[in-house]
Protein backbone atom coordinates (compact mmCIF):
# COMPACT_ATOMS: atom_id res chain seq x y z
CA UNK A 1 136.27 133.50 -201.88
CA UNK A 2 138.99 130.86 -202.28
CA UNK A 3 141.89 133.32 -202.22
CA UNK A 4 144.48 134.13 -199.55
CA UNK A 5 143.89 137.29 -197.53
CA UNK A 6 147.58 138.23 -197.49
CA UNK A 7 150.19 138.44 -200.19
CA UNK A 8 153.98 138.44 -200.07
CA UNK A 9 154.84 140.35 -203.18
CA UNK A 10 158.27 139.75 -204.70
CA UNK A 11 160.93 140.19 -202.02
CA UNK A 12 158.71 142.04 -199.55
CA UNK A 13 159.39 141.14 -195.92
CA UNK A 14 156.00 142.41 -194.78
CA UNK A 15 152.87 140.66 -196.03
CA UNK A 16 150.30 142.99 -197.56
CA UNK A 17 146.53 142.61 -197.84
CA UNK A 18 145.58 140.64 -200.94
CA UNK A 19 143.43 142.39 -203.50
CA UNK A 20 140.43 140.23 -202.55
CA UNK A 21 140.18 142.21 -199.29
CA UNK A 22 140.02 145.54 -201.08
CA UNK A 23 142.44 147.08 -198.55
CA UNK A 24 145.88 148.65 -198.45
CA UNK A 25 148.25 148.93 -195.49
CA UNK A 26 147.04 152.54 -195.03
CA UNK A 27 143.37 151.62 -194.52
CA UNK A 28 141.91 152.09 -191.04
CA UNK A 29 140.27 148.64 -191.17
CA UNK A 30 143.68 147.18 -190.43
CA UNK A 31 144.23 149.35 -187.35
CA UNK A 32 142.20 147.25 -184.89
CA UNK A 33 140.87 143.71 -184.76
CA UNK A 34 137.31 145.05 -184.35
CA UNK A 35 137.51 147.13 -187.53
CA UNK A 36 139.06 144.21 -189.42
CA UNK A 37 136.26 141.90 -188.27
CA UNK A 38 133.64 144.43 -189.33
CA UNK A 39 135.31 144.67 -192.74
CA UNK A 40 135.39 140.86 -193.12
CA UNK A 41 131.72 140.55 -192.13
CA UNK A 42 130.71 143.24 -194.63
CA UNK A 43 132.85 141.62 -197.32
CA UNK A 44 131.32 138.21 -196.64
CA UNK A 45 127.79 139.61 -196.81
CA UNK A 46 128.54 141.45 -200.05
CA UNK A 47 130.59 138.85 -201.96
CA UNK A 48 129.77 135.36 -200.69
CA UNK A 49 126.05 135.14 -201.55
CA UNK A 50 126.87 135.43 -205.25
CA UNK A 51 129.61 132.80 -205.04
CA UNK A 52 128.47 130.32 -202.40
CA UNK A 53 124.83 131.13 -201.64
CA UNK A 54 122.94 132.51 -198.66
CA UNK A 55 123.31 129.49 -196.37
CA UNK A 56 127.08 129.28 -196.60
CA UNK A 57 127.27 133.07 -196.19
CA UNK A 58 125.23 132.81 -192.99
CA UNK A 59 127.63 130.17 -191.63
CA UNK A 60 130.67 132.34 -192.39
CA UNK A 61 129.08 135.43 -190.82
CA UNK A 62 128.06 133.35 -187.80
CA UNK A 63 131.67 132.20 -187.35
CA UNK A 64 133.03 135.73 -187.77
CA UNK A 65 130.61 137.08 -185.16
CA UNK A 66 130.69 134.15 -182.76
CA UNK A 67 131.89 136.25 -179.79
CA UNK A 68 129.38 139.05 -180.36
CA UNK A 69 126.89 139.20 -177.49
CA UNK A 70 123.92 139.35 -179.85
CA UNK A 71 124.96 136.17 -181.72
CA UNK A 72 122.13 133.72 -181.07
CA UNK A 73 124.24 130.60 -181.65
CA UNK A 74 127.38 131.57 -179.73
CA UNK A 75 126.09 134.27 -177.37
CA UNK A 76 126.70 132.41 -174.09
CA UNK A 77 130.46 132.79 -173.68
CA UNK A 78 130.49 130.68 -170.49
CA UNK A 79 129.68 127.68 -172.68
CA UNK A 80 133.19 127.97 -174.13
CA UNK A 81 135.28 128.64 -171.02
CA UNK A 82 137.87 126.30 -169.54
CA UNK A 83 141.39 126.39 -168.15
CA UNK A 84 143.48 124.91 -170.96
CA UNK A 85 141.65 126.15 -174.06
CA UNK A 86 141.47 122.69 -175.64
CA UNK A 87 137.88 122.10 -174.63
CA UNK A 88 137.01 125.57 -175.89
CA UNK A 89 138.28 124.69 -179.36
CA UNK A 90 136.43 121.38 -179.39
CA UNK A 91 133.17 123.00 -178.27
CA UNK A 92 133.58 125.73 -180.88
CA UNK A 93 134.06 123.15 -183.67
CA UNK A 94 131.04 121.18 -182.45
CA UNK A 95 128.93 124.35 -182.38
CA UNK A 96 130.01 125.30 -185.93
CA UNK A 97 129.13 121.80 -187.15
CA UNK A 98 125.74 121.92 -185.47
CA UNK A 99 124.96 125.39 -186.85
CA UNK A 100 126.17 124.32 -190.30
CA UNK A 101 123.98 121.22 -190.33
CA UNK A 102 120.96 123.28 -189.29
CA UNK A 103 121.69 126.02 -191.85
CA UNK A 104 122.39 123.64 -194.70
CA UNK A 105 119.43 121.45 -193.86
């Protein structure tokens, strides 16, 4: 969508959701990470196909849902476990690249 998700309006000390999210600070989607993720997935599915196409949309949704148990590409969480977290990040990036290459053909 090529826009920031937060906005610091004028002299505000608290960032607010940017208009691209379609949210205000009072919306329940901001109350938990799970609700925010669900909102972002729905937004991606609704807006991105028109702007970036179906393949890119699938990659974004795949990344947003990577820890969901029913995610076919990232479902095995043990594949991403280690002590320091560095290997986890590297494996995640490699998985995103692999899924992107497959999705984009």
